[in-house]
Amino acid sequence: MRTVSLCMIVKNEEKVLARCLESVRDFADEIVVCDTGSTDKTREIATNYGHVVDFAWCDDFSAARNFSFAQARMDYTLWLDADDVFLPSDRQKLLALKAELDGTAD
């Protein structure tokens, strides 16, 4: 089965981050949370689910996103915002897709 890295950029997302990460924990093989300067409990929450890396915000969203992608080590990369949530039916569809992937699709 192919593997999936979840990559995220966050800042002060303590209110929604755990809900998002809980919704993907059964199919994301790796979770990379790129923190851009949180002052709340975002880092603590993210650490419970995956790897947290720091990115000094330079007012360039694409630079932060590309940095987070560069941390990914799995076959495929998934991008979510902290307020995104996968519904149970969508998680099942993604798990089925992972089982079918042969590495030839982007």
Protein backbone atom coordinates (compact mmCIF):
# COMPACT_ATOMS: atom_id res chain seq x y z
CA MET A 1 0.00 0.00 0.00
CA ARG A 2 1.24 3.48 -0.87
CA THR A 3 1.87 6.01 1.87
CA VAL A 4 0.56 9.55 2.39
CA SER A 5 2.10 12.58 4.09
CA LEU A 6 -0.29 15.21 5.37
CA CYS A 7 1.31 18.66 5.22
CA MET A 8 -0.15 21.74 6.85
CA ILE A 9 0.74 25.35 7.58
CA VAL A 10 -0.63 26.62 10.87
CA LYS A 11 -0.60 29.58 13.19
CA ASN A 12 -2.72 29.81 16.34
CA GLU A 13 -5.11 27.01 15.34
CA GLU A 14 -5.63 25.42 18.77
CA LYS A 15 -9.43 25.60 18.47
CA VAL A 16 -9.68 23.49 15.30
CA LEU A 17 -6.41 21.61 14.79
CA ALA A 18 -7.12 18.50 16.88
CA ARG A 19 -10.45 17.96 15.10
CA CYS A 20 -8.71 18.13 11.72
CA LEU A 21 -5.85 15.83 12.68
CA GLU A 22 -8.15 13.34 14.37
CA SER A 23 -10.13 13.07 11.13
CA VAL A 24 -7.03 12.01 9.14
CA ARG A 25 -4.97 10.05 11.63
CA ASP A 26 -6.11 6.65 10.33
CA PHE A 27 -4.92 7.24 6.76
CA ALA A 28 -2.08 9.74 6.99
CA ASP A 29 1.15 7.79 7.42
CA GLU A 30 3.00 10.97 8.32
CA ILE A 31 1.76 14.33 9.58
CA VAL A 32 3.96 17.38 9.04
CA VAL A 33 2.75 20.56 10.69
CA CYS A 34 4.61 23.69 9.65
CA ASP A 35 4.13 26.29 12.37
CA THR A 36 4.56 29.92 11.38
CA GLY A 37 4.73 31.43 14.86
CA SER A 38 1.88 30.18 17.03
CA THR A 39 1.51 31.68 20.49
CA ASP A 40 -1.29 29.38 21.67
CA LYS A 41 -1.32 25.58 22.16
CA THR A 42 -1.13 24.77 18.45
CA ARG A 43 2.38 23.28 18.65
CA GLU A 44 1.49 21.13 21.65
CA ILE A 45 -1.59 19.76 19.89
CA ALA A 46 0.28 19.14 16.64
CA THR A 47 3.07 17.28 18.44
CA ASN A 48 0.50 14.73 19.65
CA TYR A 49 -0.19 13.79 16.03
CA GLY A 50 3.02 14.26 14.10
CA HIS A 51 6.14 16.20 13.37
CA VAL A 52 6.21 19.98 13.90
CA VAL A 53 8.65 22.15 11.97
CA ASP A 54 9.13 25.90 12.27
CA PHE A 55 8.90 28.29 9.38
CA ALA A 56 9.66 31.97 9.93
CA TRP A 57 6.75 33.73 8.27
CA CYS A 58 7.98 35.92 5.41
CA ASP A 59 4.58 36.95 4.05
CA ASP A 60 4.85 34.29 1.34
CA PHE A 61 2.24 31.54 1.55
CA SER A 62 3.72 29.54 -1.32
CA ALA A 63 7.16 29.52 0.33
CA ALA A 64 5.65 28.14 3.53
CA ARG A 65 3.63 25.52 1.66
CA ASN A 66 6.62 24.43 -0.41
CA PHE A 67 8.72 24.20 2.76
CA SER A 68 6.10 21.93 4.32
CA PHE A 69 6.03 19.77 1.17
CA ALA A 70 9.81 19.47 1.30
CA GLN A 71 9.48 17.82 4.73
CA ALA A 72 7.20 15.05 3.38
CA ARG A 73 8.79 11.62 3.12
CA MET A 74 5.90 9.42 1.93
CA ASP A 75 4.79 8.46 -1.59
CA TYR A 76 1.98 11.00 -1.83
CA THR A 77 1.28 14.36 -0.25
CA LEU A 78 -2.05 15.62 1.04
CA TRP A 79 -2.61 19.28 1.85
CA LEU A 80 -5.23 20.49 4.36
CA ASP A 81 -6.03 23.66 6.27
CA ALA A 82 -6.48 23.37 10.02
CA ASP A 83 -10.23 23.88 9.78
CA ASP A 84 -10.69 21.07 7.22
CA VAL A 85 -12.23 17.80 8.39
CA PHE A 86 -12.59 14.49 6.57
CA LEU A 87 -15.99 12.90 7.09
CA PRO A 88 -16.03 9.16 7.90
CA SER A 89 -17.30 8.26 4.42
CA ASP A 90 -14.52 10.30 2.81
CA ARG A 91 -11.89 8.65 5.03
CA GLN A 92 -13.11 5.26 3.85
CA LYS A 93 -12.87 6.40 0.23
CA LEU A 94 -9.32 7.62 0.75
CA LEU A 95 -8.30 4.36 2.43
CA ALA A 96 -9.75 2.46 -0.54
CA LEU A 97 -7.86 4.72 -2.93
CA LYS A 98 -4.60 4.16 -1.04
CA ALA A 99 -5.07 0.42 -1.42
CA GLU A 100 -5.46 0.80 -5.19
CA LEU A 101 -2.56 3.17 -5.89
CA ASP A 102 0.33 1.59 -7.73
CA GLY A 103 2.69 4.58 -7.75
CA THR A 104 2.07 5.59 -11.35
CA ALA A 105 -0.44 8.38 -10.58
CA ASP A 106 0.39 11.82 -9.25
